[in-house]
Protein backbone atom coordinates (compact mmCIF):
# COMPACT_ATOMS: atom_id res chain seq x y z
CA MET A 1 68.03 78.78 -10.69
CA SER A 2 65.78 78.65 -13.79
CA ASP A 3 66.68 80.40 -17.01
CA THR A 4 63.70 82.67 -16.49
CA LYS A 5 64.76 85.76 -14.57
CA ARG A 6 63.12 86.03 -11.19
CA ARG A 7 60.69 88.88 -10.80
CA ARG A 8 61.90 91.55 -8.38
CA ARG A 9 59.90 91.69 -5.18
CA ASP A 10 59.42 95.44 -5.65
CA ALA A 11 58.56 95.17 -9.35
CA GLY A 12 55.83 97.62 -10.25
CA SER A 13 56.27 99.73 -7.14
CA VAL A 14 57.41 103.34 -7.25
CA ARG A 15 61.05 103.82 -6.34
CA TYR A 16 62.41 107.24 -5.43
CA GLY A 17 65.94 108.47 -5.97
CA PRO A 18 67.73 111.53 -4.56
CA ARG A 19 66.83 113.55 -7.65
CA ASP A 20 63.14 112.80 -7.10
CA LEU A 21 63.03 113.52 -3.38
CA ILE A 22 65.25 116.61 -3.40
CA GLY A 23 64.12 118.00 -6.75
CA MET A 24 60.42 117.71 -5.93
CA GLY A 25 61.07 119.25 -2.51
CA TRP A 26 62.68 122.27 -4.19
CA CYS A 27 59.81 122.59 -6.68
CA ALA A 28 57.36 122.50 -3.78
CA THR A 29 59.13 125.15 -1.70
CA GLN A 30 60.03 127.44 -4.60
CA GLY A 31 56.65 127.07 -6.32
CA ALA A 32 58.17 126.25 -9.72
CA MET A 33 61.60 125.70 -11.26
CA ARG A 34 62.99 125.93 -14.78
CA ILE A 35 64.47 122.81 -16.35
CA ASP A 36 67.95 124.38 -16.43
CA GLN A 37 67.68 125.16 -12.71
CA LEU A 38 66.74 121.55 -12.00
CA ALA A 39 69.76 120.47 -14.05
CA GLN A 40 71.97 122.64 -11.84
CA LEU A 41 70.39 121.15 -8.72
CA PHE A 42 70.81 117.60 -10.05
CA SER A 43 74.49 118.41 -10.74
CA GLN A 44 74.90 119.24 -7.05
CA ILE A 45 73.11 116.04 -6.04
CA ASP A 46 75.11 113.79 -8.39
CA GLY A 47 78.44 115.55 -7.92
CA ARG A 48 78.91 115.81 -11.68
CA PRO A 49 77.51 117.94 -14.52
CA VAL A 50 73.92 117.15 -15.52
CA SER A 51 72.59 118.59 -18.78
CA SER A 52 69.15 120.07 -19.26
CA ASP A 53 68.33 117.11 -21.54
CA ALA A 54 69.24 114.68 -18.75
CA ALA A 55 67.15 116.72 -16.30
CA ARG A 56 64.19 116.44 -18.69
CA LYS A 57 64.42 112.65 -18.49
CA SER A 58 64.19 112.73 -14.69
CA VAL A 59 61.33 115.20 -14.81
CA GLY A 60 59.67 113.02 -17.45
CA ARG A 61 59.15 110.37 -14.77
CA TRP A 62 57.31 112.92 -12.64
CA LEU A 63 55.13 113.92 -15.58
CA ASP A 64 54.34 110.31 -16.48
CA ARG A 65 53.22 109.57 -12.92
CA GLY A 66 51.15 112.72 -12.64
CA TRP A 67 53.41 114.25 -10.00
CA ALA A 68 54.26 117.39 -11.96
CA ALA A 69 53.24 119.62 -14.84
CA SER A 70 55.55 121.47 -17.21
CA GLN A 71 55.08 124.31 -19.65
CA THR A 72 57.01 127.09 -21.37
CA LEU A 73 55.58 130.18 -19.67
CA LEU A 74 58.13 132.92 -20.41
CA LYS A 75 59.20 133.60 -23.99
CA GLY A 76 62.80 132.64 -24.64
CA GLN A 77 63.18 130.71 -21.38
CA PRO A 78 63.22 126.95 -20.73
CA PRO A 79 60.03 125.22 -19.52
CA PHE A 80 58.98 125.56 -15.90
CA VAL A 81 58.05 122.57 -13.73
CA TRP A 82 55.65 122.60 -10.78
CA LEU A 83 54.01 119.90 -8.68
CA THR A 84 50.47 118.65 -9.03
CA PRO A 85 48.38 117.81 -5.93
CA SER A 86 49.61 114.21 -6.29
CA GLY A 87 53.23 115.36 -6.48
CA MET A 88 52.77 117.61 -3.49
CA ARG A 89 51.54 114.62 -1.48
CA VAL A 90 54.59 112.64 -2.58
CA SER A 91 56.87 115.52 -1.50
CA GLY A 92 55.24 115.49 1.94
CA LEU A 93 54.93 119.30 1.94
CA PRO A 94 51.67 121.13 2.67
CA PHE A 95 51.82 123.86 0.03
CA PRO A 96 49.07 124.63 -2.49
CA SER A 97 49.54 123.11 -5.93
CA GLU A 98 48.76 125.49 -8.74
CA GLU A 99 50.15 126.81 -12.00
CA PRO A 100 52.60 129.60 -11.10
CA SER A 101 51.47 133.18 -11.58
CA LEU A 102 53.00 134.89 -14.61
CA SER A 103 53.26 138.14 -12.64
CA THR A 104 55.71 136.65 -10.12
CA LEU A 105 57.38 133.97 -12.25
CA ALA A 106 60.49 135.94 -13.20
CA HIS A 107 61.01 137.07 -9.59
CA ASN A 108 60.60 133.52 -8.28
CA ALA A 109 63.06 132.25 -10.88
CA ASP A 110 65.58 134.85 -9.69
CA VAL A 111 65.16 133.73 -6.07
CA THR A 112 65.67 130.09 -7.08
CA THR A 113 68.90 130.98 -8.90
CA ILE A 114 70.09 132.91 -5.83
CA ARG A 115 69.28 129.89 -3.68
CA LEU A 116 71.26 127.63 -6.03
CA THR A 117 74.21 130.05 -5.94
CA ILE A 118 74.23 130.12 -2.13
CA GLN A 119 73.81 126.34 -1.97
CA THR A 120 76.87 125.96 -4.22
CA ALA A 121 78.94 128.14 -1.88
CA TYR A 122 77.73 126.28 1.24
CA PRO A 123 76.88 122.77 -0.05
CA SER A 124 76.25 121.12 3.30
CA ASP A 125 76.48 123.89 5.88
CA ILE A 126 73.21 125.76 5.43
CA ARG A 127 69.48 125.25 5.42
CA TRP A 128 67.16 127.32 3.23
CA ARG A 129 63.73 128.42 4.36
CA SER A 130 61.52 129.63 1.55
CA GLU A 131 58.98 132.45 1.57
CA ARG A 132 56.27 129.78 1.14
CA SER A 133 57.44 128.08 4.33
CA MET A 134 57.36 131.36 6.23
CA ARG A 135 53.96 132.32 4.84
CA ALA A 136 52.56 128.98 6.01
CA VAL A 137 53.14 129.90 9.68
CA VAL A 138 51.85 133.49 9.58
CA PRO A 139 48.71 133.57 11.76
CA PRO A 140 45.46 134.99 10.36
CA ARG A 141 45.26 138.75 10.65
CA THR A 142 42.28 140.67 11.95
CA ARG A 143 40.72 143.39 9.84
CA GLY A 144 43.01 146.38 9.63
CA GLN A 145 46.03 144.45 10.92
CA ARG A 146 48.98 144.45 8.54
CA SER A 147 50.82 141.28 7.63
CA PRO A 148 54.60 141.40 8.07
CA HIS A 149 56.85 141.70 5.04
CA LEU A 150 58.39 138.31 4.36
CA PRO A 151 61.87 138.01 2.87
CA ASP A 152 62.32 135.90 -0.24
CA GLY A 153 64.27 133.36 1.77
CA GLU A 154 66.23 132.68 4.92
CA VAL A 155 69.69 131.10 5.05
CA ILE A 156 70.07 129.28 8.36
CA PHE A 157 73.57 128.32 9.49
CA PRO A 158 74.39 125.41 11.82
CA ASP A 159 75.27 127.82 14.66
CA GLY A 160 71.78 129.35 14.49
CA ARG A 161 72.65 132.54 12.61
CA ILE A 162 70.02 133.55 10.06
CA VAL A 163 70.52 135.74 6.99
CA ALA A 164 67.46 137.21 5.25
CA ILE A 165 67.51 137.18 1.44
CA GLU A 166 65.65 139.88 -0.48
CA ARG A 167 65.52 140.07 -4.28
CA GLU A 168 64.72 143.56 -5.58
CA ARG A 169 63.98 143.13 -9.27
CA VAL A 170 61.80 146.21 -9.89
CA ALA A 171 62.44 149.52 -8.14
CA LYS A 172 59.97 150.58 -5.45
CA THR A 173 59.86 154.01 -3.84
CA ILE A 174 62.71 154.93 -1.51
CA GLU A 175 60.29 155.17 1.42
CA ARG A 176 58.79 151.73 0.84
CA THR A 177 62.21 150.17 0.31
CA ARG A 178 63.49 151.74 3.54
CA ASN A 179 60.45 150.46 5.44
CA ILE A 180 61.11 146.93 4.21
CA GLN A 181 64.77 147.18 5.17
CA MET A 182 63.86 148.52 8.61
CA GLY A 183 61.27 145.80 9.12
CA LEU A 184 63.72 143.01 8.38
CA LEU A 185 66.62 144.52 10.32
CA THR A 186 64.54 145.20 13.46
CA ARG A 187 62.63 141.89 13.48
CA ARG A 188 63.24 139.93 16.69
CA TYR A 189 60.99 136.88 16.36
CA ASP A 190 59.67 134.38 13.83
CA TYR A 191 56.61 134.97 11.63
CA ASP A 192 54.30 132.74 13.67
CA ALA A 193 54.05 135.37 16.42
CA THR A 194 50.49 136.43 17.23
CA SER A 195 51.48 139.89 18.44
CA ASP A 196 53.33 142.76 16.79
CA VAL A 197 54.81 143.86 20.11
CA VAL A 198 58.59 143.84 19.82
CA VAL A 199 60.39 142.20 22.73
CA ALA A 200 63.37 144.49 23.16
CA SER A 201 65.34 141.91 25.12
CA LEU A 202 65.44 139.54 22.14
CA PRO A 203 68.40 139.78 19.75
CA PRO A 204 67.71 140.67 16.11
CA ARG A 205 66.39 137.69 14.17
CA TYR A 206 68.77 138.37 11.28
CA CYS A 207 72.50 138.72 11.71
CA ALA A 208 72.44 140.19 8.20
CA VAL A 209 70.05 141.10 5.40
CA HIS A 210 71.34 140.57 1.86
CA TYR A 211 69.63 142.65 -0.83
CA TYR A 212 70.13 141.29 -4.37
CA ALA A 213 69.33 144.38 -6.46
CA SER A 214 68.94 144.63 -10.22
CA ASP A 215 70.50 147.56 -12.08
CA GLU A 216 67.05 149.15 -12.20
CA ALA A 217 66.54 148.93 -8.43
CA LEU A 218 70.13 149.41 -7.25
CA SER A 219 70.06 153.20 -6.85
CA VAL A 220 66.81 153.14 -4.84
CA VAL A 221 68.07 150.34 -2.58
CA GLN A 222 71.31 152.25 -1.94
CA LYS A 223 69.51 155.53 -1.18
CA ALA A 224 67.13 153.80 1.21
CA ALA A 225 70.04 152.08 2.97
CA ALA A 226 71.91 155.39 3.31
CA SER A 227 69.08 156.75 5.50
CA LEU A 228 69.21 153.84 7.98
CA PRO A 229 70.72 154.26 11.46
CA GLY A 230 74.31 153.08 11.55
CA ASP A 231 73.66 150.08 13.78
CA LEU A 232 71.12 148.79 11.25
CA ALA A 233 72.98 149.75 8.09
CA SER A 234 75.99 147.75 9.24
CA ARG A 235 73.94 144.55 8.91
CA LEU A 236 72.62 145.32 5.42
CA GLN A 237 74.61 144.04 2.47
CA ILE A 238 73.64 145.14 -1.04
CA VAL A 239 74.56 142.79 -3.88
CA ARG A 240 74.37 144.00 -7.47
CA TRP A 241 72.79 140.98 -9.16
CA PRO A 242 73.13 139.62 -11.69
């Protein structure tokens, strides 16, 4: 063998690691993630603590290759990362690529943290389905036809049980909150259905609905839940969060 090191056969090609594939998949499904949230995700992937600085280095590869964009969007919070059209193609997911909306950014960040918390509790036993994934299968609605309320996520267990996740950051009216709770608790089919006719013979889609309520919204969520029929209320769990 010559003293000159042989050139690797894959030299110059793009190589993906678990952080790239999983991290970009999360950014695609959640819409955007903060650097500290990616660090927490990378810690789960690596099985050891990963700092925000180390996460920035991984994300730096995405930025250099044009797969992602990053910017500080909320004062006092770490930068957010989202995928570009090129990054979305690499992720293999069909979601739109756009800078996240400031009006929903804090809510989306909350949902991502909830997802990370659940993933920590059930590291290999659950599958998460994002609101973006559900929205992608909702059929077009005719004029005057209402779109269904989508939860912020679904936790799907290996045995087929599904738990709906709802983050209530800002208080709505009691009536609207109750209608959302009723809609989720009485749903019997997926969101790709072309008819609003409920098939009574089908079991409820959700074995439980978990409401993660802020201090501001907690009282309204509790009052709305108190007016539910007992058979529905028994499947609603209210979590004061954070």
